[in-house]
Amino acid sequence: MIDLAADVSAIFDDVLAVDASYTPVGGQAVAVRVIPSQGDGEMEFNGGALRVPANMFQMPVASAVSLAEGDTLLIDAVTYVVMGAPKRDARRLIWTFEARVSS
């Protein structure tokens, strides 16, 4: 039998993931592992959509069951704020979300 939760854990224990501190709005900080990447985000403008560079992250759902817009990640002294609605994969094991650097 395949243990998907264990497989997800192994992915985030890999060298692609980095240590981070996740803080939900109004909550306590928790140590997590995330996989950062630079991707394309979409920004609506004048009735259309523009592709813009975006900070994308993946994180196990088990690390943050209720990830939401406004939550923060602290990575190497840089704070990122979750933007928009995070999305879970089809098996509900991994969050994918965009975040902006906090100013």
PDB file of N, CA and C in Angstrom:
ATOM      1  N   MET A   1       0.843  -1.185   0.000  1.00  0.00           N
ATOM      2  CA  MET A   1       0.000   0.000   0.000  1.00  0.00           C
ATOM      3  C   MET A   1       0.887   1.246   0.000  1.00  0.00           C
ATOM      4  N   ILE A   2       0.488   2.247  -0.739  1.00  0.00           N
ATOM      5  CA  ILE A   2       1.244   3.490  -0.831  1.00  0.00           C
ATOM      6  C   ILE A   2       0.855   4.411   0.321  1.00  0.00           C
ATOM      7  N   ASP A   3       1.865   4.942   1.001  1.00  0.00           N
ATOM      8  CA  ASP A   3       1.633   5.877   2.098  1.00  0.00           C
ATOM      9  C   ASP A   3       1.943   7.282   1.589  1.00  0.00           C
ATOM     10  N   LEU A   4       0.927   7.951   1.030  1.00  0.00           N
ATOM     11  CA  LEU A   4       1.133   9.258   0.426  1.00  0.00           C
ATOM     12  C   LEU A   4       1.597  10.306   1.421  1.00  0.00           C
ATOM     13  N   ALA A   5       1.093  10.243   2.638  1.00  0.00           N
ATOM     14  CA  ALA A   5       1.509  11.217   3.653  1.00  0.00           C
ATOM     15  C   ALA A   5       3.009  11.093   3.923  1.00  0.00           C
ATOM     16  N   ALA A   6       3.516   9.870   3.983  1.00  0.00           N
ATOM     17  CA  ALA A   6       4.951   9.658   4.194  1.00  0.00           C
ATOM     18  C   ALA A   6       5.747  10.145   2.991  1.00  0.00           C
ATOM     19  N   ASP A   7       5.217   9.928   1.787  1.00  0.00           N
ATOM     20  CA  ASP A   7       5.885  10.397   0.578  1.00  0.00           C
ATOM     21  C   ASP A   7       5.972  11.924   0.560  1.00  0.00           C
ATOM     22  N   VAL A   8       4.902  12.591   0.955  1.00  0.00           N
ATOM     23  CA  VAL A   8       4.905  14.056   1.017  1.00  0.00           C
ATOM     24  C   VAL A   8       5.927  14.524   2.037  1.00  0.00           C
ATOM     25  N   SER A   9       5.967  13.885   3.176  1.00  0.00           N
ATOM     26  CA  SER A   9       6.942  14.239   4.209  1.00  0.00           C
ATOM     27  C   SER A   9       8.366  14.107   3.677  1.00  0.00           C
ATOM     28  N   ALA A  10       8.644  13.045   2.936  1.00  0.00           N
ATOM     29  CA  ALA A  10       9.975  12.833   2.375  1.00  0.00           C
ATOM     30  C   ALA A  10      10.345  13.928   1.376  1.00  0.00           C
ATOM     31  N   ILE A  11       9.382  14.364   0.580  1.00  0.00           N
ATOM     32  CA  ILE A  11       9.633  15.446  -0.381  1.00  0.00           C
ATOM     33  C   ILE A  11      10.069  16.713   0.342  1.00  0.00           C
ATOM     34  N   PHE A  12       9.409  17.042   1.434  1.00  0.00           N
ATOM     35  CA  PHE A  12       9.708  18.277   2.146  1.00  0.00           C
ATOM     36  C   PHE A  12      10.908  18.147   3.076  1.00  0.00           C
ATOM     37  N   ASP A  13      11.434  16.932   3.244  1.00  0.00           N
ATOM     38  CA  ASP A  13      12.690  16.731   3.967  1.00  0.00           C
ATOM     39  C   ASP A  13      13.875  16.827   3.017  1.00  0.00           C
ATOM     40  N   ASP A  14      13.616  16.943   1.721  1.00  0.00           N
ATOM     41  CA  ASP A  14      14.630  16.986   0.678  1.00  0.00           C
ATOM     42  C   ASP A  14      15.335  18.341   0.651  1.00  0.00           C
ATOM     43  N   VAL A  15      16.398  18.425  -0.150  1.00  0.00           N
ATOM     44  CA  VAL A  15      17.186  19.659  -0.261  1.00  0.00           C
ATOM     45  C   VAL A  15      16.447  20.788  -0.967  1.00  0.00           C
ATOM     46  N   LEU A  16      15.350  20.488  -1.667  1.00  0.00           N
ATOM     47  CA  LEU A  16      14.578  21.541  -2.329  1.00  0.00           C
ATOM     48  C   LEU A  16      13.831  22.423  -1.335  1.00  0.00           C
ATOM     49  N   ALA A  17      13.518  21.880  -0.180  1.00  0.00           N
ATOM     50  CA  ALA A  17      12.735  22.607   0.825  1.00  0.00           C
ATOM     51  C   ALA A  17      13.652  23.421   1.739  1.00  0.00           C
ATOM     52  N   VAL A  18      13.097  24.495   2.270  1.00  0.00           N
ATOM     53  CA  VAL A  18      13.830  25.348   3.205  1.00  0.00           C
ATOM     54  C   VAL A  18      13.026  25.481   4.495  1.00  0.00           C
ATOM     55  N   ASP A  19      13.737  25.786   5.580  1.00  0.00           N
ATOM     56  CA  ASP A  19      13.071  26.017   6.862  1.00  0.00           C
ATOM     57  C   ASP A  19      12.369  27.366   6.834  1.00  0.00           C
ATOM     58  N   ALA A  20      11.205  27.414   7.437  1.00  0.00           N
ATOM     59  CA  ALA A  20      10.433  28.652   7.516  1.00  0.00           C
ATOM     60  C   ALA A  20       9.649  28.667   8.820  1.00  0.00           C
ATOM     61  N   SER A  21       9.175  29.831   9.166  1.00  0.00           N
ATOM     62  CA  SER A  21       8.284  29.985  10.316  1.00  0.00           C
ATOM     63  C   SER A  21       6.939  30.462   9.766  1.00  0.00           C
ATOM     64  N   TYR A  22       5.902  29.670   9.980  1.00  0.00           N
ATOM     65  CA  TYR A  22       4.561  29.994   9.489  1.00  0.00           C
ATOM     66  C   TYR A  22       3.736  30.559  10.638  1.00  0.00           C
ATOM     67  N   THR A  23       3.081  31.698  10.407  1.00  0.00           N
ATOM     68  CA  THR A  23       2.216  32.307  11.419  1.00  0.00           C
ATOM     69  C   THR A  23       0.857  32.610  10.820  1.00  0.00           C
ATOM     70  N   PRO A  24      -0.197  31.924  11.295  1.00  0.00           N
ATOM     71  CA  PRO A  24      -1.541  32.271  10.823  1.00  0.00           C
ATOM     72  C   PRO A  24      -1.964  33.606  11.428  1.00  0.00           C
ATOM     73  N   VAL A  25      -2.873  34.302  10.769  1.00  0.00           N
ATOM     74  CA  VAL A  25      -3.377  35.574  11.292  1.00  0.00           C
ATOM     75  C   VAL A  25      -3.919  35.345  12.698  1.00  0.00           C
ATOM     76  N   GLY A  26      -3.396  36.088  13.667  1.00  0.00           N
ATOM     77  CA  GLY A  26      -3.860  35.973  15.053  1.00  0.00           C
ATOM     78  C   GLY A  26      -3.392  34.718  15.773  1.00  0.00           C
ATOM     79  N   GLY A  27      -2.442  33.981  15.185  1.00  0.00           N
ATOM     80  CA  GLY A  27      -1.998  32.724  15.786  1.00  0.00           C
ATOM     81  C   GLY A  27      -0.534  32.743  16.177  1.00  0.00           C
ATOM     82  N   GLN A  28      -0.055  31.586  16.571  1.00  0.00           N
ATOM     83  CA  GLN A  28       1.330  31.411  17.001  1.00  0.00           C
ATOM     84  C   GLN A  28       2.190  30.882  15.861  1.00  0.00           C
ATOM     85  N   ALA A  29       3.450  31.265  15.833  1.00  0.00           N
ATOM     86  CA  ALA A  29       4.386  30.805  14.812  1.00  0.00           C
ATOM     87  C   ALA A  29       4.681  29.318  14.992  1.00  0.00           C
ATOM     88  N   VAL A  30       4.835  28.614  13.853  1.00  0.00           N
ATOM     89  CA  VAL A  30       5.129  27.188  13.827  1.00  0.00           C
ATOM     90  C   VAL A  30       6.260  26.963  12.831  1.00  0.00           C
ATOM     91  N   ALA A  31       7.222  26.113  13.181  1.00  0.00           N
ATOM     92  CA  ALA A  31       8.301  25.771  12.254  1.00  0.00           C
ATOM     93  C   ALA A  31       7.765  24.834  11.179  1.00  0.00           C
ATOM     94  N   VAL A  32       8.051  25.166   9.903  1.00  0.00           N
ATOM     95  CA  VAL A  32       7.591  24.354   8.765  1.00  0.00           C
ATOM     96  C   VAL A  32       8.714  24.251   7.745  1.00  0.00           C
ATOM     97  N   ARG A  33       8.499  23.415   6.740  1.00  0.00           N
ATOM     98  CA  ARG A  33       9.384  23.329   5.581  1.00  0.00           C
ATOM     99  C   ARG A  33       8.557  23.689   4.356  1.00  0.00           C
ATOM    100  N   VAL A  34       9.112  24.529   3.487  1.00  0.00           N
ATOM    101  CA  VAL A  34       8.411  24.936   2.275  1.00  0.00           C
ATOM    102  C   VAL A  34       9.347  24.795   1.074  1.00  0.00           C
ATOM    103  N   ILE A  35       8.749  24.649  -0.104  1.00  0.00           N
ATOM    104  CA  ILE A  35       9.522  24.646  -1.341  1.00  0.00           C
ATOM    105  C   ILE A  35       9.207  25.951  -2.060  1.00  0.00           C
ATOM    106  N   PRO A  36      10.185  26.871  -2.098  1.00  0.00           N
ATOM    107  CA  PRO A  36       9.959  28.149  -2.783  1.00  0.00           C
ATOM    108  C   PRO A  36      10.276  28.038  -4.271  1.00  0.00           C
ATOM    109  N   SER A  37       9.616  28.858  -5.065  1.00  0.00           N
ATOM    110  CA  SER A  37       9.936  28.946  -6.495  1.00  0.00           C
ATOM    111  C   SER A  37       9.479  30.298  -7.015  1.00  0.00           C
ATOM    112  N   GLN A  38      10.030  30.682  -8.133  1.00  0.00           N
ATOM    113  CA  GLN A  38       9.588  31.890  -8.819  1.00  0.00           C
ATOM    114  C   GLN A  38       8.710  31.436  -9.970  1.00  0.00           C
ATOM    115  N   GLY A  39       7.503  31.909 -10.007  1.00  0.00           N
ATOM    116  CA  GLY A  39       6.585  31.523 -11.064  1.00  0.00           C
ATOM    117  C   GLY A  39       5.921  32.731 -11.669  1.00  0.00           C
ATOM    118  N   ASP A  40       4.925  32.488 -12.486  1.00  0.00           N
ATOM    119  CA  ASP A  40       4.139  33.568 -13.060  1.00  0.00           C
ATOM    120  C   ASP A  40       2.851  33.710 -12.278  1.00  0.00           C
ATOM    121  N   GLY A  41       2.559  34.916 -11.862  1.00  0.00           N
ATOM    122  CA  GLY A  41       1.280  35.217 -11.254  1.00  0.00           C
ATOM    123  C   GLY A  41       0.443  35.990 -12.251  1.00  0.00           C
ATOM    124  N   GLU A  42      -0.829  36.134 -11.962  1.00  0.00           N
ATOM    125  CA  GLU A  42      -1.695  36.929 -12.830  1.00  0.00           C
ATOM    126  C   GLU A  42      -2.204  38.128 -12.070  1.00  0.00           C
ATOM    127  N   MET A  43      -2.201  39.255 -12.745  1.00  0.00           N
ATOM    128  CA  MET A  43      -2.711  40.488 -12.166  1.00  0.00           C
ATOM    129  C   MET A  43      -3.755  41.039 -13.125  1.00  0.00           C
ATOM    130  N   GLU A  44      -4.947  41.297 -12.625  1.00  0.00           N
ATOM    131  CA  GLU A  44      -5.987  41.860 -13.485  1.00  0.00           C
ATOM    132  C   GLU A  44      -5.711  43.338 -13.704  1.00  0.00           C
ATOM    133  N   PHE A  45      -5.863  43.764 -14.970  1.00  0.00           N
ATOM    134  CA  PHE A  45      -5.616  45.150 -15.305  1.00  0.00           C
ATOM    135  C   PHE A  45      -6.473  45.539 -16.495  1.00  0.00           C
ATOM    136  N   ASN A  46      -7.313  46.524 -16.312  1.00  0.00           N
ATOM    137  CA  ASN A  46      -8.107  47.094 -17.394  1.00  0.00           C
ATOM    138  C   ASN A  46      -8.904  46.034 -18.172  1.00  0.00           C
ATOM    139  N   GLY A  47      -9.526  45.122 -17.426  1.00  0.00           N
ATOM    140  CA  GLY A  47     -10.355  44.099 -18.050  1.00  0.00           C
ATOM    141  C   GLY A  47      -9.588  42.922 -18.611  1.00  0.00           C
ATOM    142  N   GLY A  48      -8.292  42.889 -18.412  1.00  0.00           N
ATOM    143  CA  GLY A  48      -7.472  41.777 -18.901  1.00  0.00           C
ATOM    144  C   GLY A  48      -6.605  41.243 -17.786  1.00  0.00           C
ATOM    145  N   ALA A  49      -5.765  40.291 -18.115  1.00  0.00           N
ATOM    146  CA  ALA A  49      -4.864  39.715 -17.124  1.00  0.00           C
ATOM    147  C   ALA A  49      -3.430  39.828 -17.628  1.00  0.00           C
ATOM    148  N   LEU A  50      -2.549  40.266 -16.742  1.00  0.00           N
ATOM    149  CA  LEU A  50      -1.126  40.366 -17.049  1.00  0.00           C
ATOM    150  C   LEU A  50      -0.377  39.291 -16.272  1.00  0.00           C
ATOM    151  N   ARG A  51       0.638  38.728 -16.874  1.00  0.00           N
ATOM    152  CA  ARG A  51       1.511  37.787 -16.173  1.00  0.00           C
ATOM    153  C   ARG A  51       2.643  38.584 -15.542  1.00  0.00           C
ATOM    154  N   VAL A  52       2.864  38.366 -14.258  1.00  0.00           N
ATOM    155  CA  VAL A  52       3.912  39.072 -13.529  1.00  0.00           C
ATOM    156  C   VAL A  52       4.709  38.050 -12.701  1.00  0.00           C
ATOM    157  N   PRO A  53       5.978  38.340 -12.419  1.00  0.00           N
ATOM    158  CA  PRO A  53       6.761  37.434 -11.576  1.00  0.00           C
ATOM    159  C   PRO A  53       6.107  37.292 -10.207  1.00  0.00           C
ATOM    160  N   ALA A  54       6.153  36.083  -9.661  1.00  0.00           N
ATOM    161  CA  ALA A  54       5.505  35.841  -8.383  1.00  0.00           C
ATOM    162  C   ALA A  54       6.341  34.909  -7.520  1.00  0.00           C
ATOM    163  N   ASN A  55       6.268  35.095  -6.213  1.00  0.00           N
ATOM    164  CA  ASN A  55       6.884  34.181  -5.250  1.00  0.00           C
ATOM    165  C   ASN A  55       5.874  33.083  -4.969  1.00  0.00           C
ATOM    166  N   MET A  56       6.185  31.878  -5.402  1.00  0.00           N
ATOM    167  CA  MET A  56       5.294  30.745  -5.202  1.00  0.00           C
ATOM    168  C   MET A  56       5.900  29.815  -4.156  1.00  0.00           C
ATOM    169  N   PHE A  57       5.034  29.164  -3.387  1.00  0.00           N
ATOM    170  CA  PHE A  57       5.490  28.238  -2.356  1.00  0.00           C
ATOM    171  C   PHE A  57       4.614  27.000  -2.353  1.00  0.00           C
ATOM    172  N   GLN A  58       5.203  25.897  -1.927  1.00  0.00           N
ATOM    173  CA  GLN A  58       4.445  24.681  -1.652  1.00  0.00           C
ATOM    174  C   GLN A  58       4.755  24.285  -0.216  1.00  0.00           C
ATOM    175  N   MET A  59       3.728  23.807   0.482  1.00  0.00           N
ATOM    176  CA  MET A  59       3.863  23.436   1.886  1.00  0.00           C
ATOM    177  C   MET A  59       2.893  22.296   2.180  1.00  0.00           C
ATOM    178  N   PRO A  60       3.300  21.325   2.993  1.00  0.00           N
ATOM    179  CA  PRO A  60       2.374  20.240   3.339  1.00  0.00           C
ATOM    180  C   PRO A  60       1.138  20.775   4.062  1.00  0.00           C
ATOM    181  N   VAL A  61      -0.022  20.270   3.703  1.00  0.00           N
ATOM    182  CA  VAL A  61      -1.264  20.670   4.370  1.00  0.00           C
ATOM    183  C   VAL A  61      -1.180  20.334   5.860  1.00  0.00           C
ATOM    184  N   ALA A  62      -0.503  19.247   6.200  1.00  0.00           N
ATOM    185  CA  ALA A  62      -0.370  18.852   7.606  1.00  0.00           C
ATOM    186  C   ALA A  62       0.335  19.923   8.441  1.00  0.00           C
ATOM    187  N   SER A  63       1.148  20.771   7.808  1.00  0.00           N
ATOM    188  CA  SER A  63       1.852  21.838   8.528  1.00  0.00           C
ATOM    189  C   SER A  63       0.963  23.034   8.823  1.00  0.00           C
ATOM    190  N   ALA A  64      -0.061  23.231   7.997  1.00  0.00           N
ATOM    191  CA  ALA A  64      -0.952  24.387   8.135  1.00  0.00           C
ATOM    192  C   ALA A  64      -2.312  23.999   7.571  1.00  0.00           C
ATOM    193  N   VAL A  65      -3.127  23.403   8.396  1.00  0.00           N
ATOM    194  CA  VAL A  65      -4.413  22.870   7.938  1.00  0.00           C
ATOM    195  C   VAL A  65      -5.315  23.955   7.363  1.00  0.00           C
ATOM    196  N   SER A  66      -5.250  25.151   7.903  1.00  0.00           N
ATOM    197  CA  SER A  66      -6.155  26.212   7.437  1.00  0.00           C
ATOM    198  C   SER A  66      -5.388  27.419   6.902  1.00  0.00           C
ATOM    199  N   LEU A  67      -4.414  27.189   6.029  1.00  0.00           N
ATOM    200  CA  LEU A  67      -3.656  28.270   5.409  1.00  0.00           C
ATOM    201  C   LEU A  67      -4.619  29.249   4.736  1.00  0.00           C
ATOM    202  N   ALA A  68      -4.392  30.542   4.931  1.00  0.00           N
ATOM    203  CA  ALA A  68      -5.325  31.542   4.394  1.00  0.00           C
ATOM    204  C   ALA A  68      -4.588  32.821   4.010  1.00  0.00           C
ATOM    205  N   GLU A  69      -5.250  33.623   3.205  1.00  0.00           N
ATOM    206  CA  GLU A  69      -4.723  34.925   2.813  1.00  0.00           C
ATOM    207  C   GLU A  69      -4.404  35.739   4.067  1.00  0.00           C
ATOM    208  N   GLY A  70      -3.243  36.396   4.067  1.00  0.00           N
ATOM    209  CA  GLY A  70      -2.836  37.224   5.203  1.00  0.00           C
ATOM    210  C   GLY A  70      -1.914  36.512   6.170  1.00  0.00           C
ATOM    211  N   ASP A  71      -1.860  35.173   6.135  1.00  0.00           N
ATOM    212  CA  ASP A  71      -0.908  34.433   6.962  1.00  0.00           C
ATOM    213  C   ASP A  71       0.495  34.794   6.486  1.00  0.00           C
ATOM    214  N   THR A  72       1.506  34.565   7.331  1.00  0.00           N
ATOM    215  CA  THR A  72       2.870  34.942   6.950  1.00  0.00           C
ATOM    216  C   THR A  72       3.848  33.776   7.059  1.00  0.00           C
ATOM    217  N   LEU A  73       4.909  33.885   6.266  1.00  0.00           N
ATOM    218  CA  LEU A  73       6.055  32.978   6.313  1.00  0.00           C
ATOM    219  C   LEU A  73       7.285  33.830   6.561  1.00  0.00           C
ATOM    220  N   LEU A  74       8.158  33.378   7.430  1.00  0.00           N
ATOM    221  CA  LEU A  74       9.433  34.046   7.661  1.00  0.00           C
ATOM    222  C   LEU A  74      10.522  33.099   7.189  1.00  0.00           C
ATOM    223  N   ILE A  75      11.288  33.527   6.176  1.00  0.00           N
ATOM    224  CA  ILE A  75      12.369  32.722   5.617  1.00  0.00           C
ATOM    225  C   ILE A  75      13.611  33.598   5.535  1.00  0.00           C
ATOM    226  N   ASP A  76      14.670  33.203   6.228  1.00  0.00           N
ATOM    227  CA  ASP A  76      15.926  33.954   6.189  1.00  0.00           C
ATOM    228  C   ASP A  76      15.723  35.447   6.418  1.00  0.00           C
ATOM    229  N   ALA A  77      14.998  35.801   7.447  1.00  0.00           N
ATOM    230  CA  ALA A  77      14.743  37.195   7.849  1.00  0.00           C
ATOM    231  C   ALA A  77      13.882  37.978   6.859  1.00  0.00           C
ATOM    232  N   VAL A  78      13.257  37.299   5.896  1.00  0.00           N
ATOM    233  CA  VAL A  78      12.330  37.947   4.965  1.00  0.00           C
ATOM    234  C   VAL A  78      10.928  37.437   5.271  1.00  0.00           C
ATOM    235  N   THR A  79       9.993  38.356   5.468  1.00  0.00           N
ATOM    236  CA  THR A  79       8.612  37.985   5.746  1.00  0.00           C
ATOM    237  C   THR A  79       7.789  38.052   4.463  1.00  0.00           C
ATOM    238  N   TYR A  80       7.066  36.960   4.192  1.00  0.00           N
ATOM    239  CA  TYR A  80       6.184  36.867   3.036  1.00  0.00           C
ATOM    240  C   TYR A  80       4.745  36.788   3.535  1.00  0.00           C
ATOM    241  N   VAL A  81       3.835  37.475   2.850  1.00  0.00           N
ATOM    242  CA  VAL A  81       2.420  37.469   3.202  1.00  0.00           C
ATOM    243  C   VAL A  81       1.657  36.691   2.131  1.00  0.00           C
ATOM    244  N   VAL A  82       0.871  35.707   2.561  1.00  0.00           N
ATOM    245  CA  VAL A  82       0.090  34.889   1.633  1.00  0.00           C
ATOM    246  C   VAL A  82      -0.930  35.767   0.921  1.00  0.00           C
ATOM    247  N   MET A  83      -0.960  35.650  -0.406  1.00  0.00           N
ATOM    248  CA  MET A  83      -1.889  36.429  -1.230  1.00  0.00           C
ATOM    249  C   MET A  83      -2.933  35.497  -1.832  1.00  0.00           C
ATOM    250  N   GLY A  84      -4.152  35.958  -1.905  1.00  0.00           N
ATOM    251  CA  GLY A  84      -5.212  35.175  -2.543  1.00  0.00           C
ATOM    252  C   GLY A  84      -5.521  33.897  -1.784  1.00  0.00           C
ATOM    253  N   ALA A  85      -6.282  33.037  -2.441  1.00  0.00           N
ATOM    254  CA  ALA A  85      -6.700  31.778  -1.821  1.00  0.00           C
ATOM    255  C   ALA A  85      -5.698  30.675  -2.156  1.00  0.00           C
ATOM    256  N   PRO A  86      -5.039  30.112  -1.150  1.00  0.00           N
ATOM    257  CA  PRO A  86      -4.140  28.985  -1.409  1.00  0.00           C
ATOM    258  C   PRO A  86      -4.917  27.818  -2.008  1.00  0.00           C
ATOM    259  N   LYS A  87      -4.232  26.996  -2.812  1.00  0.00           N
ATOM    260  CA  LYS A  87      -4.883  25.850  -3.457  1.00  0.00           C
ATOM    261  C   LYS A  87      -4.229  24.562  -2.981  1.00  0.00           C
ATOM    262  N   ARG A  88      -5.055  23.543  -2.753  1.00  0.00           N
ATOM    263  CA  ARG A  88      -4.532  22.224  -2.390  1.00  0.00           C
ATOM    264  C   ARG A  88      -4.511  21.337  -3.623  1.00  0.00           C
ATOM    265  N   ASP A  89      -3.608  20.368  -3.616  1.00  0.00           N
ATOM    266  CA  ASP A  89      -3.553  19.421  -4.726  1.00  0.00           C
ATOM    267  C   ASP A  89      -4.772  18.499  -4.677  1.00  0.00           C
ATOM    268  N   ALA A  90      -4.911  17.646  -5.678  1.00  0.00           N
ATOM    269  CA  ALA A  90      -6.093  16.784  -5.799  1.00  0.00           C
ATOM    270  C   ALA A  90      -6.265  15.860  -4.594  1.00  0.00           C
ATOM    271  N   ARG A  91      -5.179  15.460  -3.962  1.00  0.00           N
ATOM    272  CA  ARG A  91      -5.269  14.562  -2.800  1.00  0.00           C
ATOM    273  C   ARG A  91      -5.308  15.307  -1.470  1.00  0.00           C
ATOM    274  N   ARG A  92      -5.302  16.637  -1.549  1.00  0.00           N
ATOM    275  CA  ARG A  92      -5.393  17.490  -0.356  1.00  0.00           C
ATOM    276  C   ARG A  92      -4.208  17.318   0.589  1.00  0.00           C
ATOM    277  N   LEU A  93      -2.995  17.136   0.002  1.00  0.00           N
ATOM    278  CA  LEU A  93      -1.805  16.923   0.808  1.00  0.00           C
ATOM    279  C   LEU A  93      -0.814  18.088   0.755  1.00  0.00           C
ATOM    280  N   ILE A  94      -0.864  18.878  -0.325  1.00  0.00           N
ATOM    281  CA  ILE A  94       0.107  19.960  -0.508  1.00  0.00           C
ATOM    282  C   ILE A  94      -0.601  21.256  -0.876  1.00  0.00           C
ATOM    283  N   TRP A  95      -0.249  22.316  -0.145  1.00  0.00           N
ATOM    284  CA  TRP A  95      -0.722  23.661  -0.489  1.00  0.00           C
ATOM    285  C   TRP A  95       0.198  24.251  -1.548  1.00  0.00           C
ATOM    286  N   THR A  96      -0.351  24.989  -2.488  1.00  0.00           N
ATOM    287  CA  THR A  96       0.411  25.837  -3.402  1.00  0.00           C
ATOM    288  C   THR A  96      -0.174  27.233  -3.263  1.00  0.00           C
ATOM    289  N   PHE A  97       0.717  28.207  -3.061  1.00  0.00           N
ATOM    290  CA  PHE A  97       0.220  29.568  -2.839  1.00  0.00           C
ATOM    291  C   PHE A  97       1.249  30.596  -3.265  1.00  0.00           C
ATOM    292  N   GLU A  98       0.745  31.796  -3.503  1.00  0.00           N
ATOM    293  CA  GLU A  98       1.571  32.938  -3.854  1.00  0.00           C
ATOM    294  C   GLU A  98       1.702  33.821  -2.632  1.00  0.00           C
ATOM    295  N   ALA A  99       2.876  34.459  -2.487  1.00  0.00           N
ATOM    296  CA  ALA A  99       3.080  35.362  -1.367  1.00  0.00           C
ATOM    297  C   ALA A  99       3.929  36.542  -1.816  1.00  0.00           C
ATOM    298  N   ARG A 100       3.684  37.670  -1.207  1.00  0.00           N
ATOM    299  CA  ARG A 100       4.476  38.871  -1.521  1.00  0.00           C
ATOM    300  C   ARG A 100       5.380  39.204  -0.337  1.00  0.00           C
ATOM    301  N   VAL A 101       6.476  39.853  -0.630  1.00  0.00           N
ATOM    302  CA  VAL A 101       7.372  40.297   0.438  1.00  0.00           C
ATOM    303  C   VAL A 101       6.668  41.399   1.207  1.00  0.00           C
ATOM    304  N   SER A 102       6.672  41.277   2.522  1.00  0.00           N
ATOM    305  CA  SER A 102       6.026  42.278   3.372  1.00  0.00           C
ATOM    306  C   SER A 102       6.873  43.553   3.366  1.00  0.00           C
ATOM    307  N   SER A 103       6.185  44.682   3.293  1.00  0.00           N
ATOM    308  CA  SER A 103       6.931  45.946   3.292  1.00  0.00           C
ATOM    309  C   SER A 103       6.916  46.609   4.642  1.00  0.00           C
TER     310      SER A 103
END
